[in-house]
C-alpha atoms as a PDB file:
ATOM      1  CA  VAL A   1      13.923 -30.969 -13.215  1.00  0.00           C
ATOM      2  CA  ASP A   2      16.343 -30.718 -16.138  1.00  0.00           C
ATOM      3  CA  LEU A   3      14.408 -27.684 -17.377  1.00  0.00           C
ATOM      4  CA  VAL A   4      14.858 -25.949 -14.005  1.00  0.00           C
ATOM      5  CA  ARG A   5      18.607 -26.510 -14.208  1.00  0.00           C
ATOM      6  CA  GLN A   6      18.906 -25.473 -17.858  1.00  0.00           C
ATOM      7  CA  ALA A   7      16.651 -22.416 -17.638  1.00  0.00           C
ATOM      8  CA  ARG A   8      18.316 -21.305 -14.367  1.00  0.00           C
ATOM      9  CA  PHE A   9      15.051 -20.260 -12.743  1.00  0.00           C
ATOM     10  CA  ALA A  10      15.588 -17.687 -10.000  1.00  0.00           C
ATOM     11  CA  GLY A  11      12.470 -19.038  -8.328  1.00  0.00           C
ATOM     12  CA  ALA A  12       9.423 -21.143  -9.040  1.00  0.00           C
ATOM     13  CA  TYR A  13       6.014 -21.590  -7.523  1.00  0.00           C
ATOM     14  CA  THR A  14       5.599 -25.326  -7.089  1.00  0.00           C
ATOM     15  CA  PHE A  15       2.889 -27.429  -5.566  1.00  0.00           C
ATOM     16  CA  GLN A  16       1.882 -31.039  -5.164  1.00  0.00           C
ATOM     17  CA  TYR A  17      -0.879 -32.351  -7.409  1.00  0.00           C
ATOM     18  CA  SER A  18      -4.044 -33.231  -5.588  1.00  0.00           C
ATOM     19  CA  LYS A  19      -7.297 -34.650  -6.876  1.00  0.00           C
ATOM     20  CA  ARG A  20     -10.038 -32.109  -7.525  1.00  0.00           C
ATOM     21  CA  PRO A  21     -13.663 -32.837  -8.362  1.00  0.00           C
ATOM     22  CA  GLY A  22     -14.291 -32.695 -12.092  1.00  0.00           C
ATOM     23  CA  THR A  23     -10.614 -33.062 -12.983  1.00  0.00           C
ATOM     24  CA  PRO A  24     -10.208 -35.890 -15.523  1.00  0.00           C
ATOM     25  CA  ALA A  25      -6.755 -36.836 -14.208  1.00  0.00           C
ATOM     26  CA  ALA A  26      -8.301 -37.571 -10.824  1.00  0.00           C
ATOM     27  CA  GLU A  27     -10.089 -40.535 -12.404  1.00  0.00           C
ATOM     28  CA  PHE A  28      -7.093 -42.064 -14.213  1.00  0.00           C
ATOM     29  CA  PRO A  29      -6.099 -45.575 -13.150  1.00  0.00           C
ATOM     30  CA  ASP A  30      -2.718 -46.239 -11.536  1.00  0.00           C
ATOM     31  CA  GLN A  31      -2.560 -43.050  -9.468  1.00  0.00           C
ATOM     32  CA  ILE A  32       0.849 -42.172  -8.025  1.00  0.00           C
ATOM     33  CA  SER A  33       1.044 -42.761  -4.285  1.00  0.00           C
ATOM     34  CA  ALA A  34       1.084 -39.828  -1.885  1.00  0.00           C
ATOM     35  CA  GLU A  35       4.571 -40.853  -0.729  1.00  0.00           C
ATOM     36  CA  VAL A  36       5.975 -40.731  -4.289  1.00  0.00           C
ATOM     37  CA  VAL A  37       4.267 -37.379  -4.900  1.00  0.00           C
ATOM     38  CA  LYS A  38       5.863 -36.031  -1.715  1.00  0.00           C
ATOM     39  CA  GLN A  39       9.324 -37.328  -2.695  1.00  0.00           C
ATOM     40  CA  ARG A  40       9.120 -35.866  -6.210  1.00  0.00           C
ATOM     41  CA  TYR A  41       7.881 -32.548  -4.905  1.00  0.00           C
ATOM     42  CA  GLN A  42      10.716 -32.338  -2.385  1.00  0.00           C
ATOM     43  CA  TYR A  43      13.286 -33.223  -5.059  1.00  0.00           C
ATOM     44  CA  LEU A  44      11.967 -30.474  -7.352  1.00  0.00           C
ATOM     45  CA  ALA A  45      11.851 -27.955  -4.480  1.00  0.00           C
ATOM     46  CA  ASP A  46      15.463 -28.791  -3.561  1.00  0.00           C
ATOM     47  CA  VAL A  47      16.641 -28.288  -7.157  1.00  0.00           C
ATOM     48  CA  VAL A  48      14.744 -24.981  -7.453  1.00  0.00           C
ATOM     49  CA  GLU A  49      16.332 -23.775  -4.196  1.00  0.00           C
ATOM     50  CA  GLU A  50      19.818 -24.852  -5.320  1.00  0.00           C
ATOM     51  CA  VAL A  51      19.497 -23.060  -8.676  1.00  0.00           C
ATOM     52  CA  ALA A  52      17.849 -19.960  -7.188  1.00  0.00           C
ATOM     53  CA  TRP A  53      20.558 -19.615  -4.561  1.00  0.00           C
ATOM     54  CA  ALA A  54      23.307 -19.928  -7.176  1.00  0.00           C
ATOM     55  CA  GLU A  55      21.584 -17.325  -9.367  1.00  0.00           C
ATOM     56  CA  ASN A  56      21.203 -14.964  -6.403  1.00  0.00           C
ATOM     57  CA  GLN A  57      24.829 -15.465  -5.310  1.00  0.00           C
ATOM     58  CA  ALA A  58      25.924 -14.447  -8.812  1.00  0.00           C
ATOM     59  CA  LEU A  59      24.411 -11.002  -8.154  1.00  0.00           C
ATOM     60  CA  VAL A  60      26.493 -10.266  -5.040  1.00  0.00           C
ATOM     61  CA  GLY A  61      28.541  -7.136  -5.745  1.00  0.00           C
ATOM     62  CA  SER A  62      26.279  -5.929  -8.538  1.00  0.00           C
ATOM     63  CA  GLN A  63      23.873  -3.010  -8.503  1.00  0.00           C
ATOM     64  CA  VAL A  64      20.133  -3.430  -9.044  1.00  0.00           C
ATOM     65  CA  GLU A  65      17.189  -1.057  -9.057  1.00  0.00           C
ATOM     66  CA  VAL A  66      14.484  -1.841  -6.498  1.00  0.00           C
ATOM     67  CA  LEU A  67      10.939  -0.528  -6.175  1.00  0.00           C
ATOM     68  CA  LEU A  68      10.394  -0.204  -2.428  1.00  0.00           C
ATOM     69  CA  ALA A  69       7.133  -1.674  -1.178  1.00  0.00           C
ATOM     70  CA  HIS A  70       5.199  -2.011   2.050  1.00  0.00           C
ATOM     71  CA  GLY A  71       4.965  -5.431   3.629  1.00  0.00           C
ATOM     72  CA  ASP A  72       7.288  -7.365   1.312  1.00  0.00           C
ATOM     73  CA  GLY A  73       9.659  -8.163   4.167  1.00  0.00           C
ATOM     74  CA  ARG A  74       8.064  -9.696   7.259  1.00  0.00           C
ATOM     75  CA  LYS A  75      10.860  -8.460   9.571  1.00  0.00           C
ATOM     76  CA  ASP A  76      11.455  -5.045   8.005  1.00  0.00           C
ATOM     77  CA  GLY A  77      10.499  -3.057  11.113  1.00  0.00           C
ATOM     78  CA  ALA A  78      12.638  -5.151  13.444  1.00  0.00           C
ATOM     79  CA  ASN A  79      15.608  -4.963  11.069  1.00  0.00           C
ATOM     80  CA  GLU A  80      15.231  -1.248  10.248  1.00  0.00           C
ATOM     81  CA  ARG A  81      14.986  -1.861   6.548  1.00  0.00           C
ATOM     82  CA  LEU A  82      12.600  -1.641   3.644  1.00  0.00           C
ATOM     83  CA  SER A  83      12.036  -4.336   1.082  1.00  0.00           C
ATOM     84  CA  GLY A  84      10.950  -4.312  -2.506  1.00  0.00           C
ATOM     85  CA  ARG A  85      11.256  -5.985  -5.853  1.00  0.00           C
ATOM     86  CA  ALA A  86      13.958  -5.788  -8.480  1.00  0.00           C
ATOM     87  CA  ARG A  87      12.986  -5.537 -12.154  1.00  0.00           C
ATOM     88  CA  ASP A  88      13.042  -9.344 -12.423  1.00  0.00           C
ATOM     89  CA  ASN A  89      10.709  -9.616  -9.371  1.00  0.00           C
ATOM     90  CA  ARG A  90      13.383 -10.871  -6.977  1.00  0.00           C
ATOM     91  CA  LEU A  91      12.741  -9.851  -3.388  1.00  0.00           C
ATOM     92  CA  VAL A  92      15.420  -7.448  -2.128  1.00  0.00           C
ATOM     93  CA  HIS A  93      15.791  -6.410   1.524  1.00  0.00           C
ATOM     94  CA  VAL A  94      17.405  -2.967   1.715  1.00  0.00           C
ATOM     95  CA  GLY A  95      19.293  -1.784   4.795  1.00  0.00           C
ATOM     96  CA  GLY A  96      21.359   1.371   5.164  1.00  0.00           C
ATOM     97  CA  MET A  97      18.258   3.521   5.328  1.00  0.00           C
ATOM     98  CA  SER A  98      19.768   5.923   7.834  1.00  0.00           C
ATOM     99  CA  ALA A  99      22.075   7.381   5.206  1.00  0.00           C
ATOM    100  CA  ASP A 100      20.900  10.872   4.239  1.00  0.00           C
ATOM    101  CA  LEU A 101      21.347  10.523   0.497  1.00  0.00           C
ATOM    102  CA  ASP A 102      20.069  13.893  -0.609  1.00  0.00           C
ATOM    103  CA  ALA A 103      18.898  15.617   2.575  1.00  0.00           C
ATOM    104  CA  GLY A 104      15.335  14.892   1.487  1.00  0.00           C
ATOM    105  CA  ARG A 105      12.617  12.954   3.192  1.00  0.00           C
ATOM    106  CA  PRO A 106      13.230   9.383   4.360  1.00  0.00           C
ATOM    107  CA  LEU A 107      12.834   6.654   1.788  1.00  0.00           C
ATOM    108  CA  ALA A 108       9.276   5.390   1.450  1.00  0.00           C
ATOM    109  CA  PRO A 109       7.322   2.683  -0.350  1.00  0.00           C
ATOM    110  CA  GLY A 110       7.017   3.764  -3.971  1.00  0.00           C
ATOM    111  CA  ASP A 111      10.565   5.111  -4.244  1.00  0.00           C
ATOM    112  CA  PHE A 112      13.081   3.474  -6.552  1.00  0.00           C
ATOM    113  CA  VAL A 113      16.532   2.853  -5.107  1.00  0.00           C
ATOM    114  CA  THR A 114      19.680   1.584  -6.738  1.00  0.00           C
ATOM    115  CA  VAL A 115      21.439  -0.713  -4.304  1.00  0.00           C
ATOM    116  CA  GLU A 116      24.551  -2.830  -4.138  1.00  0.00           C
ATOM    117  CA  ILE A 117      23.800  -6.467  -3.396  1.00  0.00           C
ATOM    118  CA  THR A 118      25.910  -7.586  -0.432  1.00  0.00           C
ATOM    119  CA  ARG A 119      24.448 -11.006   0.383  1.00  0.00           C
ATOM    120  CA  ALA A 120      22.240 -13.635  -1.157  1.00  0.00           C
ATOM    121  CA  ALA A 121      19.834 -16.226   0.142  1.00  0.00           C
ATOM    122  CA  PRO A 122      17.864 -18.798  -1.813  1.00  0.00           C
ATOM    123  CA  TYR A 123      14.737 -16.655  -1.991  1.00  0.00           C
ATOM    124  CA  ASN A 124      15.954 -13.071  -1.606  1.00  0.00           C
ATOM    125  CA  LEU A 125      18.805 -10.630  -1.969  1.00  0.00           C
ATOM    126  CA  ILE A 126      20.174  -8.326   0.730  1.00  0.00           C
ATOM    127  CA  ALA A 127      21.570  -4.870   0.061  1.00  0.00           C
ATOM    128  CA  ASP A 128      23.280  -2.852   2.779  1.00  0.00           C
ATOM    129  CA  THR A 129      24.205   0.111   0.593  1.00  0.00           C
ATOM    130  CA  VAL A 130      21.865   2.483  -1.227  1.00  0.00           C
ATOM    131  CA  VAL A 131      23.806   4.162  -4.040  1.00  0.00           C
ATOM    132  CA  GLY A 132      21.010   6.117  -5.692  1.00  0.00           C
ATOM    133  CA  VAL A 133      17.419   7.220  -5.205  1.00  0.00           C
ATOM    134  CA  ARG A 134      14.647   8.103  -7.627  1.00  0.00           C
ATOM    135  CA  ARG A 135      11.779   9.572  -5.658  1.00  0.00           C
ATOM    136  CA  THR A 136       8.192   9.247  -6.845  1.00  0.00           C
ATOM    137  CA  SER A 137       5.056  11.255  -6.184  1.00  0.00           C
ATOM    138  CA  ILE A 138       3.295   8.234  -4.688  1.00  0.00           C
ATOM    139  CA  ALA A 139       6.140   7.819  -2.195  1.00  0.00           C
ATOM    140  CA  ASP A 140       5.927  11.551  -1.421  1.00  0.00           C
ATOM    141  CA  SER A 141       2.257  11.026  -0.521  1.00  0.00           C
ATOM    142  CA  VAL A 142       3.088   8.001   1.630  1.00  0.00           C
ATOM    143  CA  ALA A 143       5.865   9.907   3.421  1.00  0.00           C
ATOM    144  CA  ALA A 144       3.560  12.886   4.008  1.00  0.00           C
ATOM    145  CA  GLY A 145       0.914  10.632   5.526  1.00  0.00           C
ATOM    146  CA  GLU A 146      -1.597  11.517   2.828  1.00  0.00           C
ATOM    147  CA  ILE A 147      -2.031   7.844   2.002  1.00  0.00           C
ATOM    148  CA  ALA A 148      -0.985   4.725   3.860  1.00  0.00           C
ATOM    149  CA  ALA A 149       1.583   2.432   2.322  1.00  0.00           C
ATOM    150  CA  ASP A 150      -0.626  -0.567   3.023  1.00  0.00           C
ATOM    151  CA  GLY A 151      -3.807   1.042   1.736  1.00  0.00           C
ATOM    152  CA  SER A 152      -5.460   1.060   5.181  1.00  0.00           C
ATOM    153  CA  LYS A 153      -6.035   4.808   5.193  1.00  0.00           C
ATOM    154  CA  PRO A 154      -8.398   5.852   2.410  1.00  0.00           C
ATOM    155  CA  VAL A 155      -7.437   8.717   0.167  1.00  0.00           C
ATOM    156  CA  ALA A 156      -9.516  11.810   0.914  1.00  0.00           C
ATOM    157  CA  ARG A 157     -12.243  12.318  -1.654  1.00  0.00           C
ATOM    158  CA  VAL A 158     -12.470  15.595  -3.498  1.00  0.00           C
ATOM    159  CA  ALA A 159     -15.888  17.231  -3.619  1.00  0.00           C
ATOM    160  CA  LEU A 160     -16.656  18.778  -6.978  1.00  0.00           C
ATOM    161  CA  GLY A 161     -19.616  20.824  -5.785  1.00  0.00           C
ATOM    162  CA  MET A 162     -22.026  18.715  -7.782  1.00  0.00           C
ATOM    163  CA  PRO A 163     -25.631  18.827  -6.618  1.00  0.00           C
ATOM    164  CA  GLY A 164     -26.964  15.647  -5.090  1.00  0.00           C
ATOM    165  CA  LEU A 165     -30.355  14.111  -4.648  1.00  0.00           C
ATOM    166  CA  PRO A 166     -31.755  13.380  -1.213  1.00  0.00           C
ATOM    167  CA  ALA A 167     -31.989   9.730  -0.309  1.00  0.00           C
ATOM    168  CA  LEU A 168     -35.448   8.285  -0.758  1.00  0.00           C
ATOM    169  CA  GLY A 169     -37.126   6.162   1.826  1.00  0.00           C
END
């Protein structure tokens, strides 16, 4: 727990230990009770949340670059926003998508945007202002409908005119 506080983790994947077949620790005497495991886990999770929220709040008012993605934010459609990841992998929800930044196509997964962080939560950042855009060819393809942002629509295959063999059997 002291390490979490000193290192100022912006997030951590934590889990409760559970016995697994073939794991030597599962056979040790004097196992910790499930109640103690639960209490320790909750204490660690609370400290991680406290530190992560403080670290995220420190970014309010700053600008960060975000790679927009598909499906990172569960409520993106309902909130008319896109979400993505900052360079340090923090989840950033980006609003203000209606602004016509350069009279180009709408923003799409695969684009990089520079945003101003307006709010923070323990596990994500919220940006209501897009201050810059760097478009990418993959996002151009997503926006044009050539490929789906979630990978559900396969990319058309290119035939090279190579001769084939008939299937046997």
